[in-house]
Protein backbone atom coordinates (compact mmCIF):
# COMPACT_ATOMS: atom_id res chain seq x y z
CA UNK A 1 -0.02 3.54 20.10
CA UNK A 2 2.73 0.95 20.40
CA UNK A 3 6.34 1.86 20.81
CA UNK A 4 9.54 0.09 19.78
CA UNK A 5 11.49 -1.33 22.65
CA UNK A 6 14.63 0.59 23.80
CA UNK A 7 17.19 -1.77 22.15
CA UNK A 8 15.41 -1.42 18.76
CA UNK A 9 15.37 2.36 19.16
CA UNK A 10 19.19 2.37 19.86
CA UNK A 11 19.78 0.23 16.74
CA UNK A 12 17.67 2.45 14.56
CA UNK A 13 19.30 5.52 15.86
CA UNK A 14 22.78 4.25 14.87
CA UNK A 15 22.07 2.45 11.58
CA UNK A 16 22.70 4.51 8.44
CA UNK A 17 20.05 3.00 6.22
CA UNK A 18 16.87 1.07 6.70
CA UNK A 19 14.64 -0.41 4.03
CA UNK A 20 10.93 -0.63 3.83
CA UNK A 21 9.17 -3.38 2.03
CA UNK A 22 5.46 -3.03 1.63
CA UNK A 23 3.08 -5.88 1.13
CA UNK A 24 1.83 -4.23 -2.06
CA UNK A 25 5.42 -4.38 -3.55
CA UNK A 26 7.07 -7.12 -1.47
CA UNK A 27 9.90 -7.90 -4.02
CA UNK A 28 11.49 -4.40 -3.88
CA UNK A 29 12.86 -2.81 -0.72
CA UNK A 30 13.76 0.82 -0.81
CA UNK A 31 15.88 2.88 1.50
CA UNK A 32 13.66 4.62 4.04
CA UNK A 33 13.92 8.39 4.24
CA UNK A 34 11.36 11.11 4.29
CA UNK A 35 10.07 10.99 0.82
CA UNK A 36 12.21 13.62 -1.22
CA UNK A 37 9.75 12.95 -4.05
CA UNK A 38 6.97 14.14 -1.78
CA UNK A 39 3.63 12.41 -2.16
CA UNK A 40 4.68 10.91 -5.53
CA UNK A 41 7.18 8.54 -4.03
CA UNK A 42 6.09 4.92 -4.51
CA UNK A 43 7.06 3.68 -1.01
CA UNK A 44 5.40 6.69 0.47
CA UNK A 45 2.09 6.06 -1.40
CA UNK A 46 2.18 2.40 -0.38
CA UNK A 47 2.62 3.27 3.31
CA UNK A 48 0.22 6.21 3.30
CA UNK A 49 -2.49 4.01 1.99
CA UNK A 50 -2.27 2.31 5.40
CA UNK A 51 -0.95 -1.11 4.34
CA UNK A 52 1.51 -3.06 6.63
CA UNK A 53 5.19 -3.12 5.77
CA UNK A 54 8.43 -4.59 6.93
CA UNK A 55 11.32 -2.45 8.15
CA UNK A 56 14.65 -4.05 7.28
CA UNK A 57 18.05 -3.19 8.77
CA UNK A 58 21.15 -4.88 10.07
CA UNK A 59 19.84 -8.30 9.00
CA UNK A 60 16.60 -7.67 11.08
CA UNK A 61 13.04 -7.54 9.86
CA UNK A 62 10.29 -5.87 11.83
CA UNK A 63 6.58 -5.81 10.89
CA UNK A 64 5.39 -2.17 11.01
CA UNK A 65 2.33 -0.03 10.38
CA UNK A 66 2.65 3.57 9.21
CA UNK A 67 0.55 6.54 10.19
CA UNK A 68 0.95 10.22 9.33
CA UNK A 69 3.07 12.23 11.64
CA UNK A 70 0.73 15.13 11.95
CA UNK A 71 2.20 16.65 15.15
CA UNK A 72 4.19 19.75 14.05
CA UNK A 73 6.69 19.25 16.95
CA UNK A 74 7.25 15.62 16.02
CA UNK A 75 7.93 16.60 12.33
CA UNK A 76 10.47 19.27 13.52
CA UNK A 77 12.23 16.77 15.70
CA UNK A 78 12.43 14.30 12.76
CA UNK A 79 13.95 17.15 10.64
CA UNK A 80 16.54 17.91 13.32
CA UNK A 81 17.51 14.33 13.77
CA UNK A 82 17.73 13.75 10.10
CA UNK A 83 20.10 16.84 9.80
CA UNK A 84 22.13 15.52 12.79
CA UNK A 85 22.40 11.97 11.45
CA UNK A 86 23.16 12.91 7.79
CA UNK A 87 24.95 16.25 8.25
CA UNK A 88 27.79 15.05 5.99
CA UNK A 89 25.33 14.11 3.16
CA UNK A 90 25.26 16.78 0.49
CA UNK A 91 21.52 16.12 0.01
CA UNK A 92 20.52 16.40 3.68
CA UNK A 93 18.94 19.94 3.22
CA UNK A 94 16.80 18.52 0.43
CA UNK A 95 15.13 16.26 3.02
CA UNK A 96 13.94 19.01 5.15
CA UNK A 97 12.27 21.12 2.52
CA UNK A 98 8.80 22.35 3.41
CA UNK A 99 7.33 20.22 0.57
CA UNK A 100 8.70 17.02 1.97
CA UNK A 101 7.62 17.57 5.65
CA UNK A 102 4.01 16.24 5.02
CA UNK A 103 5.50 12.93 3.94
CA UNK A 104 6.82 12.19 7.41
CA UNK A 105 5.26 8.93 8.62
CA UNK A 106 5.33 7.40 12.08
CA UNK A 107 6.24 3.69 11.99
CA UNK A 108 4.89 1.52 14.69
CA UNK A 109 5.55 -2.24 15.34
CA UNK A 110 2.66 -4.52 14.42
């Protein structure tokens, strides 16, 4: 398992939105959030299939690989962090519904 460096983690913690561009659909970037559409979300299906992708934020591009976040504690931490970061967003609670939790993916640098 490879981790992002500390500077990248600080940037990602503070940025409001990131985009993921998958190699299967390279011309369209989408905002990265836990898939509120569940397993039906296009970007989620692309990443869950195991293909490489690009994480885009603050004029940076990072090559990433996704894997399922199957650790219950990690999924719970993601939910808490999501609610902390987006607490003012009226849709924040929708992103932590039980049916969206299985769409949590771990991104690692390639």
